[in-house]
mmCIF file of all heavy atoms, coordinates in Angstrom:
data_MODEL
# 
_entry.id   MODEL 
# 
loop_
_atom_site.group_PDB 
_atom_site.id 
_atom_site.type_symbol 
_atom_site.label_atom_id 
_atom_site.label_alt_id 
_atom_site.label_comp_id 
_atom_site.label_asym_id 
_atom_site.label_entity_id 
_atom_site.label_seq_id 
_atom_site.pdbx_PDB_ins_code 
_atom_site.Cartn_x 
_atom_site.Cartn_y 
_atom_site.Cartn_z 
_atom_site.occupancy 
_atom_site.B_iso_or_equiv 
_atom_site.pdbx_formal_charge 
_atom_site.auth_seq_id 
_atom_site.auth_comp_id 
_atom_site.auth_asym_id 
_atom_site.auth_atom_id 
_atom_site.pdbx_PDB_model_num 
ATOM 1   N N   . LYS A 1 1  ? -43.646 -34.178 -4.237 1.00 0.00 ? 1  LYS A N   1 
ATOM 2   C CA  . LYS A 1 1  ? -44.370 -33.115 -4.898 1.00 0.00 ? 1  LYS A CA  1 
ATOM 3   C C   . LYS A 1 1  ? -44.788 -32.060 -3.897 1.00 0.00 ? 1  LYS A C   1 
ATOM 4   O O   . LYS A 1 1  ? -45.355 -32.364 -2.845 1.00 0.00 ? 1  LYS A O   1 
ATOM 5   C CB  . LYS A 1 1  ? -45.596 -33.691 -5.586 1.00 0.00 ? 1  LYS A CB  1 
ATOM 6   C CG  . LYS A 1 1  ? -46.402 -32.654 -6.401 1.00 0.00 ? 1  LYS A CG  1 
ATOM 7   C CD  . LYS A 1 1  ? -47.561 -33.304 -7.127 1.00 0.00 ? 1  LYS A CD  1 
ATOM 8   C CE  . LYS A 1 1  ? -48.342 -32.258 -7.929 1.00 0.00 ? 1  LYS A CE  1 
ATOM 9   N NZ  . LYS A 1 1  ? -49.467 -32.852 -8.670 1.00 0.00 ? 1  LYS A NZ  1 
ATOM 10  N N   . GLY A 1 2  ? -44.496 -30.780 -4.232 1.00 0.00 ? 2  GLY A N   1 
ATOM 11  C CA  . GLY A 1 2  ? -44.871 -29.667 -3.371 1.00 0.00 ? 2  GLY A CA  1 
ATOM 12  C C   . GLY A 1 2  ? -43.811 -29.333 -2.320 1.00 0.00 ? 2  GLY A C   1 
ATOM 13  O O   . GLY A 1 2  ? -43.979 -28.335 -1.595 1.00 0.00 ? 2  GLY A O   1 
ATOM 14  N N   . GLN A 1 3  ? -42.754 -30.092 -2.214 1.00 0.00 ? 3  GLN A N   1 
ATOM 15  C CA  . GLN A 1 3  ? -41.719 -29.835 -1.206 1.00 0.00 ? 3  GLN A CA  1 
ATOM 16  C C   . GLN A 1 3  ? -40.925 -28.605 -1.591 1.00 0.00 ? 3  GLN A C   1 
ATOM 17  O O   . GLN A 1 3  ? -40.486 -28.476 -2.740 1.00 0.00 ? 3  GLN A O   1 
ATOM 18  C CB  . GLN A 1 3  ? -40.810 -31.060 -1.062 1.00 0.00 ? 3  GLN A CB  1 
ATOM 19  C CG  . GLN A 1 3  ? -39.683 -30.878 -0.056 1.00 0.00 ? 3  GLN A CG  1 
ATOM 20  C CD  . GLN A 1 3  ? -38.861 -32.124 0.094  1.00 0.00 ? 3  GLN A CD  1 
ATOM 21  O OE1 . GLN A 1 3  ? -39.316 -33.254 -0.195 1.00 0.00 ? 3  GLN A OE1 1 
ATOM 22  N NE2 . GLN A 1 3  ? -37.617 -31.975 0.542  1.00 0.00 ? 3  GLN A NE2 1 
ATOM 23  N N   . PRO A 1 4  ? -40.681 -27.665 -0.645 1.00 0.00 ? 4  PRO A N   1 
ATOM 24  C CA  . PRO A 1 4  ? -39.885 -26.470 -0.955 1.00 0.00 ? 4  PRO A CA  1 
ATOM 25  C C   . PRO A 1 4  ? -38.444 -26.833 -1.313 1.00 0.00 ? 4  PRO A C   1 
ATOM 26  O O   . PRO A 1 4  ? -37.845 -27.677 -0.646 1.00 0.00 ? 4  PRO A O   1 
ATOM 27  C CB  . PRO A 1 4  ? -39.949 -25.648 0.326  1.00 0.00 ? 4  PRO A CB  1 
ATOM 28  C CG  . PRO A 1 4  ? -41.160 -26.162 1.029  1.00 0.00 ? 4  PRO A CG  1 
ATOM 29  C CD  . PRO A 1 4  ? -41.281 -27.583 0.713  1.00 0.00 ? 4  PRO A CD  1 
ATOM 30  N N   . LEU A 1 5  ? -37.941 -26.185 -2.340 1.00 0.00 ? 5  LEU A N   1 
ATOM 31  C CA  . LEU A 1 5  ? -36.568 -26.432 -2.787 1.00 0.00 ? 5  LEU A CA  1 
ATOM 32  C C   . LEU A 1 5  ? -35.663 -25.219 -2.590 1.00 0.00 ? 5  LEU A C   1 
ATOM 33  O O   . LEU A 1 5  ? -34.510 -25.361 -2.152 1.00 0.00 ? 5  LEU A O   1 
ATOM 34  C CB  . LEU A 1 5  ? -36.572 -26.815 -4.269 1.00 0.00 ? 5  LEU A CB  1 
ATOM 35  C CG  . LEU A 1 5  ? -37.435 -28.013 -4.699 1.00 0.00 ? 5  LEU A CG  1 
ATOM 36  C CD1 . LEU A 1 5  ? -37.369 -28.204 -6.201 1.00 0.00 ? 5  LEU A CD1 1 
ATOM 37  C CD2 . LEU A 1 5  ? -37.055 -29.273 -3.958 1.00 0.00 ? 5  LEU A CD2 1 
ATOM 38  N N   . PHE A 1 6  ? -36.166 -24.024 -2.913 1.00 0.00 ? 6  PHE A N   1 
ATOM 39  C CA  . PHE A 1 6  ? -35.368 -22.795 -2.826 1.00 0.00 ? 6  PHE A CA  1 
ATOM 40  C C   . PHE A 1 6  ? -36.241 -21.683 -2.299 1.00 0.00 ? 6  PHE A C   1 
ATOM 41  O O   . PHE A 1 6  ? -37.472 -21.676 -2.424 1.00 0.00 ? 6  PHE A O   1 
ATOM 42  C CB  . PHE A 1 6  ? -34.855 -22.391 -4.262 1.00 0.00 ? 6  PHE A CB  1 
ATOM 43  C CG  . PHE A 1 6  ? -34.084 -23.471 -4.931 1.00 0.00 ? 6  PHE A CG  1 
ATOM 44  C CD1 . PHE A 1 6  ? -34.695 -24.324 -5.827 1.00 0.00 ? 6  PHE A CD1 1 
ATOM 45  C CD2 . PHE A 1 6  ? -32.716 -23.585 -4.729 1.00 0.00 ? 6  PHE A CD2 1 
ATOM 46  C CE1 . PHE A 1 6  ? -33.987 -25.324 -6.478 1.00 0.00 ? 6  PHE A CE1 1 
ATOM 47  C CE2 . PHE A 1 6  ? -31.981 -24.597 -5.367 1.00 0.00 ? 6  PHE A CE2 1 
ATOM 48  C CZ  . PHE A 1 6  ? -32.634 -25.442 -6.245 1.00 0.00 ? 6  PHE A CZ  1 
ATOM 49  N N   . LYS A 1 7  ? -35.545 -20.671 -1.714 1.00 0.00 ? 7  LYS A N   1 
ATOM 50  C CA  . LYS A 1 7  ? -36.195 -19.460 -1.262 1.00 0.00 ? 7  LYS A CA  1 
ATOM 51  C C   . LYS A 1 7  ? -35.552 -18.267 -1.997 1.00 0.00 ? 7  LYS A C   1 
ATOM 52  O O   . LYS A 1 7  ? -34.317 -18.157 -2.008 1.00 0.00 ? 7  LYS A O   1 
ATOM 53  C CB  . LYS A 1 7  ? -36.016 -19.275 0.250  1.00 0.00 ? 7  LYS A CB  1 
ATOM 54  C CG  . LYS A 1 7  ? -36.946 -20.140 1.075  1.00 0.00 ? 7  LYS A CG  1 
ATOM 55  C CD  . LYS A 1 7  ? -38.307 -19.472 1.271  1.00 0.00 ? 7  LYS A CD  1 
ATOM 56  C CE  . LYS A 1 7  ? -39.139 -20.179 2.362  1.00 0.00 ? 7  LYS A CE  1 
ATOM 57  N NZ  . LYS A 1 7  ? -40.421 -19.554 2.547  1.00 0.00 ? 7  LYS A NZ  1 
ATOM 58  N N   . ILE A 1 8  ? -36.384 -17.403 -2.526 1.00 0.00 ? 8  ILE A N   1 
ATOM 59  C CA  . ILE A 1 8  ? -35.929 -16.172 -3.199 1.00 0.00 ? 8  ILE A CA  1 
ATOM 60  C C   . ILE A 1 8  ? -36.336 -15.002 -2.334 1.00 0.00 ? 8  ILE A C   1 
ATOM 61  O O   . ILE A 1 8  ? -37.395 -15.000 -1.698 1.00 0.00 ? 8  ILE A O   1 
ATOM 62  C CB  . ILE A 1 8  ? -36.538 -16.066 -4.607 1.00 0.00 ? 8  ILE A CB  1 
ATOM 63  C CG1 . ILE A 1 8  ? -36.051 -17.242 -5.466 1.00 0.00 ? 8  ILE A CG1 1 
ATOM 64  C CG2 . ILE A 1 8  ? -36.195 -14.726 -5.266 1.00 0.00 ? 8  ILE A CG2 1 
ATOM 65  C CD1 . ILE A 1 8  ? -36.705 -17.292 -6.848 1.00 0.00 ? 8  ILE A CD1 1 
ATOM 66  N N   . ASP A 1 9  ? -35.449 -13.989 -2.263 1.00 0.00 ? 9  ASP A N   1 
ATOM 67  C CA  . ASP A 1 9  ? -35.742 -12.788 -1.449 1.00 0.00 ? 9  ASP A CA  1 
ATOM 68  C C   . ASP A 1 9  ? -37.116 -12.224 -1.795 1.00 0.00 ? 9  ASP A C   1 
ATOM 69  O O   . ASP A 1 9  ? -37.413 -11.905 -2.950 1.00 0.00 ? 9  ASP A O   1 
ATOM 70  C CB  . ASP A 1 9  ? -34.657 -11.739 -1.753 1.00 0.00 ? 9  ASP A CB  1 
ATOM 71  C CG  . ASP A 1 9  ? -34.837 -10.500 -0.879 1.00 0.00 ? 9  ASP A CG  1 
ATOM 72  O OD1 . ASP A 1 9  ? -35.502 -10.585 0.145  1.00 0.00 ? 9  ASP A OD1 1 
ATOM 73  O OD2 . ASP A 1 9  ? -34.269 -9.454  -1.249 1.00 0.00 ? 9  ASP A OD2 1 
ATOM 74  N N   . ASP A 1 10 ? -38.002 -12.132 -0.779 1.00 0.00 ? 10 ASP A N   1 
ATOM 75  C CA  . ASP A 1 10 ? -39.406 -11.760 -1.009 1.00 0.00 ? 10 ASP A CA  1 
ATOM 76  C C   . ASP A 1 10 ? -39.791 -10.383 -0.521 1.00 0.00 ? 10 ASP A C   1 
ATOM 77  O O   . ASP A 1 10 ? -41.004 -10.052 -0.478 1.00 0.00 ? 10 ASP A O   1 
ATOM 78  C CB  . ASP A 1 10 ? -40.320 -12.827 -0.378 1.00 0.00 ? 10 ASP A CB  1 
ATOM 79  C CG  . ASP A 1 10 ? -40.166 -12.860 1.147  1.00 0.00 ? 10 ASP A CG  1 
ATOM 80  O OD1 . ASP A 1 10 ? -39.350 -12.113 1.700  1.00 0.00 ? 10 ASP A OD1 1 
ATOM 81  O OD2 . ASP A 1 10 ? -40.893 -13.646 1.790  1.00 0.00 ? 10 ASP A OD2 1 
ATOM 82  N N   . VAL A 1 11 ? -38.833 -9.553  -0.147 1.00 0.00 ? 11 VAL A N   1 
ATOM 83  C CA  . VAL A 1 11 ? -39.150 -8.252  0.450  1.00 0.00 ? 11 VAL A CA  1 
ATOM 84  C C   . VAL A 1 11 ? -39.989 -7.406  -0.478 1.00 0.00 ? 11 VAL A C   1 
ATOM 85  O O   . VAL A 1 11 ? -41.056 -6.883  -0.135 1.00 0.00 ? 11 VAL A O   1 
ATOM 86  C CB  . VAL A 1 11 ? -37.859 -7.513  0.866  1.00 0.00 ? 11 VAL A CB  1 
ATOM 87  C CG1 . VAL A 1 11 ? -38.198 -6.071  1.304  1.00 0.00 ? 11 VAL A CG1 1 
ATOM 88  C CG2 . VAL A 1 11 ? -37.139 -8.235  1.936  1.00 0.00 ? 11 VAL A CG2 1 
ATOM 89  N N   . GLN A 1 12 ? -39.533 -7.265  -1.737 1.00 0.00 ? 12 GLN A N   1 
ATOM 90  C CA  . GLN A 1 12 ? -40.261 -6.425  -2.694 1.00 0.00 ? 12 GLN A CA  1 
ATOM 91  C C   . GLN A 1 12 ? -41.624 -7.016  -3.043 1.00 0.00 ? 12 GLN A C   1 
ATOM 92  O O   . GLN A 1 12 ? -42.580 -6.282  -3.261 1.00 0.00 ? 12 GLN A O   1 
ATOM 93  C CB  . GLN A 1 12 ? -39.436 -6.215  -3.952 1.00 0.00 ? 12 GLN A CB  1 
ATOM 94  C CG  . GLN A 1 12 ? -39.073 -7.519  -4.675 1.00 0.00 ? 12 GLN A CG  1 
ATOM 95  C CD  . GLN A 1 12 ? -38.343 -7.281  -5.973 1.00 0.00 ? 12 GLN A CD  1 
ATOM 96  O OE1 . GLN A 1 12 ? -38.518 -6.256  -6.655 1.00 0.00 ? 12 GLN A OE1 1 
ATOM 97  N NE2 . GLN A 1 12 ? -37.445 -8.204  -6.335 1.00 0.00 ? 12 GLN A NE2 1 
ATOM 98  N N   . TYR A 1 13 ? -41.731 -8.326  -3.045 1.00 0.00 ? 13 TYR A N   1 
ATOM 99  C CA  . TYR A 1 13 ? -42.996 -8.979  -3.409 1.00 0.00 ? 13 TYR A CA  1 
ATOM 100 C C   . TYR A 1 13 ? -43.988 -8.912  -2.237 1.00 0.00 ? 13 TYR A C   1 
ATOM 101 O O   . TYR A 1 13 ? -45.216 -8.777  -2.465 1.00 0.00 ? 13 TYR A O   1 
ATOM 102 C CB  . TYR A 1 13 ? -42.745 -10.412 -3.821 1.00 0.00 ? 13 TYR A CB  1 
ATOM 103 C CG  . TYR A 1 13 ? -41.835 -10.507 -5.014 1.00 0.00 ? 13 TYR A CG  1 
ATOM 104 C CD1 . TYR A 1 13 ? -40.500 -10.877 -4.875 1.00 0.00 ? 13 TYR A CD1 1 
ATOM 105 C CD2 . TYR A 1 13 ? -42.303 -10.183 -6.286 1.00 0.00 ? 13 TYR A CD2 1 
ATOM 106 C CE1 . TYR A 1 13 ? -39.647 -10.935 -5.970 1.00 0.00 ? 13 TYR A CE1 1 
ATOM 107 C CE2 . TYR A 1 13 ? -41.455 -10.275 -7.406 1.00 0.00 ? 13 TYR A CE2 1 
ATOM 108 C CZ  . TYR A 1 13 ? -40.130 -10.616 -7.228 1.00 0.00 ? 13 TYR A CZ  1 
ATOM 109 O OH  . TYR A 1 13 ? -39.311 -10.686 -8.307 1.00 0.00 ? 13 TYR A OH  1 
ATOM 110 N N   . ARG A 1 14 ? -43.481 -8.944  -1.029 1.00 0.00 ? 14 ARG A N   1 
ATOM 111 C CA  . ARG A 1 14 ? -44.364 -8.730  0.135  1.00 0.00 ? 14 ARG A CA  1 
ATOM 112 C C   . ARG A 1 14 ? -44.916 -7.305  0.146  1.00 0.00 ? 14 ARG A C   1 
ATOM 113 O O   . ARG A 1 14 ? -46.084 -7.071  0.454  1.00 0.00 ? 14 ARG A O   1 
ATOM 114 C CB  . ARG A 1 14 ? -43.587 -9.076  1.411  1.00 0.00 ? 14 ARG A CB  1 
ATOM 115 C CG  . ARG A 1 14 ? -44.510 -9.328  2.636  1.00 0.00 ? 14 ARG A CG  1 
ATOM 116 C CD  . ARG A 1 14 ? -43.700 -9.804  3.801  1.00 0.00 ? 14 ARG A CD  1 
ATOM 117 N NE  . ARG A 1 14 ? -43.069 -11.091 3.508  1.00 0.00 ? 14 ARG A NE  1 
ATOM 118 C CZ  . ARG A 1 14 ? -43.710 -12.240 3.589  1.00 0.00 ? 14 ARG A CZ  1 
ATOM 119 N NH1 . ARG A 1 14 ? -44.971 -12.285 3.927  1.00 0.00 ? 14 ARG A NH1 1 
ATOM 120 N NH2 . ARG A 1 14 ? -43.056 -13.367 3.329  1.00 0.00 ? 14 ARG A NH2 1 
ATOM 121 N N   . ALA A 1 15 ? -44.041 -6.359  -0.189 1.00 0.00 ? 15 ALA A N   1 
ATOM 122 C CA  . ALA A 1 15 ? -44.474 -4.963  -0.260 1.00 0.00 ? 15 ALA A CA  1 
ATOM 123 C C   . ALA A 1 15 ? -45.507 -4.761  -1.367 1.00 0.00 ? 15 ALA A C   1 
ATOM 124 O O   . ALA A 1 15 ? -46.484 -4.004  -1.183 1.00 0.00 ? 15 ALA A O   1 
ATOM 125 C CB  . ALA A 1 15 ? -43.259 -4.046  -0.496 1.00 0.00 ? 15 ALA A CB  1 
ATOM 126 N N   . ALA A 1 16 ? -45.306 -5.473  -2.472 1.00 0.00 ? 16 ALA A N   1 
ATOM 127 C CA  . ALA A 1 16 ? -46.266 -5.364  -3.585 1.00 0.00 ? 16 ALA A CA  1 
ATOM 128 C C   . ALA A 1 16 ? -47.632 -5.910  -3.156 1.00 0.00 ? 16 ALA A C   1 
ATOM 129 O O   . ALA A 1 16 ? -48.675 -5.368  -3.556 1.00 0.00 ? 16 ALA A O   1 
ATOM 130 C CB  . ALA A 1 16 ? -45.736 -6.117  -4.802 1.00 0.00 ? 16 ALA A CB  1 
ATOM 131 N N   . VAL A 1 17 ? -47.665 -6.946  -2.362 1.00 0.00 ? 17 VAL A N   1 
ATOM 132 C CA  . VAL A 1 17 ? -48.942 -7.495  -1.839 1.00 0.00 ? 17 VAL A CA  1 
ATOM 133 C C   . VAL A 1 17 ? -49.618 -6.488  -0.950 1.00 0.00 ? 17 VAL A C   1 
ATOM 134 O O   . VAL A 1 17 ? -50.856 -6.228  -1.075 1.00 0.00 ? 17 VAL A O   1 
ATOM 135 C CB  . VAL A 1 17 ? -48.688 -8.804  -1.095 1.00 0.00 ? 17 VAL A CB  1 
ATOM 136 C CG1 . VAL A 1 17 ? -49.978 -9.227  -0.341 1.00 0.00 ? 17 VAL A CG1 1 
ATOM 137 C CG2 . VAL A 1 17 ? -48.261 -9.909  -2.029 1.00 0.00 ? 17 VAL A CG2 1 
ATOM 138 N N   . ASN A 1 18 ? -48.875 -5.854  -0.045 1.00 0.00 ? 18 ASN A N   1 
ATOM 139 C CA  . ASN A 1 18 ? -49.455 -4.839  0.843  1.00 0.00 ? 18 ASN A CA  1 
ATOM 140 C C   . ASN A 1 18 ? -50.025 -3.671  0.036  1.00 0.00 ? 18 ASN A C   1 
ATOM 141 O O   . ASN A 1 18 ? -51.096 -3.133  0.360  1.00 0.00 ? 18 ASN A O   1 
ATOM 142 C CB  . ASN A 1 18 ? -48.420 -4.369  1.850  1.00 0.00 ? 18 ASN A CB  1 
ATOM 143 C CG  . ASN A 1 18 ? -48.020 -5.455  2.812  1.00 0.00 ? 18 ASN A CG  1 
ATOM 144 O OD1 . ASN A 1 18 ? -48.794 -6.381  3.091  1.00 0.00 ? 18 ASN A OD1 1 
ATOM 145 N ND2 . ASN A 1 18 ? -46.818 -5.385  3.367  1.00 0.00 ? 18 ASN A ND2 1 
ATOM 146 N N   . GLN A 1 19 ? -49.277 -3.249  -0.989 1.00 0.00 ? 19 GLN A N   1 
ATOM 147 C CA  . GLN A 1 19 ? -49.747 -2.159  -1.821 1.00 0.00 ? 19 GLN A CA  1 
ATOM 148 C C   . GLN A 1 19 ? -51.018 -2.553  -2.575 1.00 0.00 ? 19 GLN A C   1 
ATOM 149 O O   . GLN A 1 19 ? -51.961 -1.724  -2.685 1.00 0.00 ? 19 GLN A O   1 
ATOM 150 C CB  . GLN A 1 19 ? -48.649 -1.755  -2.800 1.00 0.00 ? 19 GLN A CB  1 
ATOM 151 C CG  . GLN A 1 19 ? -49.018 -0.565  -3.680 1.00 0.00 ? 19 GLN A CG  1 
ATOM 152 C CD  . GLN A 1 19 ? -47.880 -0.180  -4.622 1.00 0.00 ? 19 GLN A CD  1 
ATOM 153 O OE1 . GLN A 1 19 ? -46.816 -0.799  -4.594 1.00 0.00 ? 19 GLN A OE1 1 
ATOM 154 N NE2 . GLN A 1 19 ? -48.119 0.869   -5.415 1.00 0.00 ? 19 GLN A NE2 1 
ATOM 155 N N   . ALA A 1 20 ? -51.059 -3.787  -3.057 1.00 0.00 ? 20 ALA A N   1 
ATOM 156 C CA  . ALA A 1 20 ? -52.270 -4.223  -3.781 1.00 0.00 ? 20 ALA A CA  1 
ATOM 157 C C   . ALA A 1 20 ? -53.482 -4.314  -2.853 1.00 0.00 ? 20 ALA A C   1 
ATOM 158 O O   . ALA A 1 20 ? -54.607 -4.005  -3.246 1.00 0.00 ? 20 ALA A O   1 
ATOM 159 C CB  . ALA A 1 20 ? -51.991 -5.589  -4.410 1.00 0.00 ? 20 ALA A CB  1 
ATOM 160 N N   . ILE A 1 21 ? -53.244 -4.739  -1.597 1.00 0.00 ? 21 ILE A N   1 
ATOM 161 C CA  . ILE A 1 21 ? -54.329 -4.794  -0.626 1.00 0.00 ? 21 ILE A CA  1 
ATOM 162 C C   . ILE A 1 21 ? -54.888 -3.396  -0.367 1.00 0.00 ? 21 ILE A C   1 
ATOM 163 O O   . ILE A 1 21 ? -56.103 -3.197  -0.290 1.00 0.00 ? 21 ILE A O   1 
ATOM 164 C CB  . ILE A 1 21 ? -53.842 -5.414  0.697  1.00 0.00 ? 21 ILE A CB  1 
ATOM 165 C CG1 . ILE A 1 21 ? -53.555 -6.932  0.470  1.00 0.00 ? 21 ILE A CG1 1 
ATOM 166 C CG2 . ILE A 1 21 ? -54.869 -5.277  1.791  1.00 0.00 ? 21 ILE A CG2 1 
ATOM 167 C CD1 . ILE A 1 21 ? -52.909 -7.617  1.658  1.00 0.00 ? 21 ILE A CD1 1 
ATOM 168 N N   . ALA A 1 22 ? -53.964 -2.442  -0.252 1.00 0.00 ? 22 ALA A N   1 
ATOM 169 C CA  . ALA A 1 22 ? -54.390 -1.038  -0.017 1.00 0.00 ? 22 ALA A CA  1 
ATOM 170 C C   . ALA A 1 22 ? -55.220 -0.526  -1.181 1.00 0.00 ? 22 ALA A C   1 
ATOM 171 O O   . ALA A 1 22 ? -56.249 0.174   -1.002 1.00 0.00 ? 22 ALA A O   1 
ATOM 172 C CB  . ALA A 1 22 ? -53.176 -0.153  0.231  1.00 0.00 ? 22 ALA A CB  1 
ATOM 173 N N   . SER A 1 23 ? -54.790 -0.827  -2.402 1.00 0.00 ? 23 SER A N   1 
ATOM 174 C CA  . SER A 1 23 ? -55.554 -0.366  -3.568 1.00 0.00 ? 23 SER A CA  1 
ATOM 175 C C   . SER A 1 23 ? -56.939 -0.954  -3.603 1.00 0.00 ? 23 SER A C   1 
ATOM 176 O O   . SER A 1 23 ? -57.905 -0.263  -3.934 1.00 0.00 ? 23 SER A O   1 
ATOM 177 C CB  . SER A 1 23 ? -54.772 -0.791  -4.841 1.00 0.00 ? 23 SER A CB  1 
ATOM 178 O OG  . SER A 1 23 ? -53.516 -0.163  -4.897 1.00 0.00 ? 23 SER A OG  1 
ATOM 179 N N   . VAL A 1 24 ? -57.057 -2.229  -3.201 1.00 0.00 ? 24 VAL A N   1 
ATOM 180 C CA  . VAL A 1 24 ? -58.395 -2.866  -3.177 1.00 0.00 ? 24 VAL A CA  1 
ATOM 181 C C   . VAL A 1 24 ? -59.264 -2.166  -2.133 1.00 0.00 ? 24 VAL A C   1 
ATOM 182 O O   . VAL A 1 24 ? -60.473 -1.887  -2.407 1.00 0.00 ? 24 VAL A O   1 
ATOM 183 C CB  . VAL A 1 24 ? -58.250 -4.368  -2.847 1.00 0.00 ? 24 VAL A CB  1 
ATOM 184 C CG1 . VAL A 1 24 ? -59.614 -4.982  -2.541 1.00 0.00 ? 24 VAL A CG1 1 
ATOM 185 C CG2 . VAL A 1 24 ? -57.599 -5.096  -4.013 1.00 0.00 ? 24 VAL A CG2 1 
# 
């Protein structure tokens, strides 16, 4: 349980996090 199985390209989601941090 909790073991990583797959990785999905996270570039756009990492950018969305940075944008959300800036908005806060």
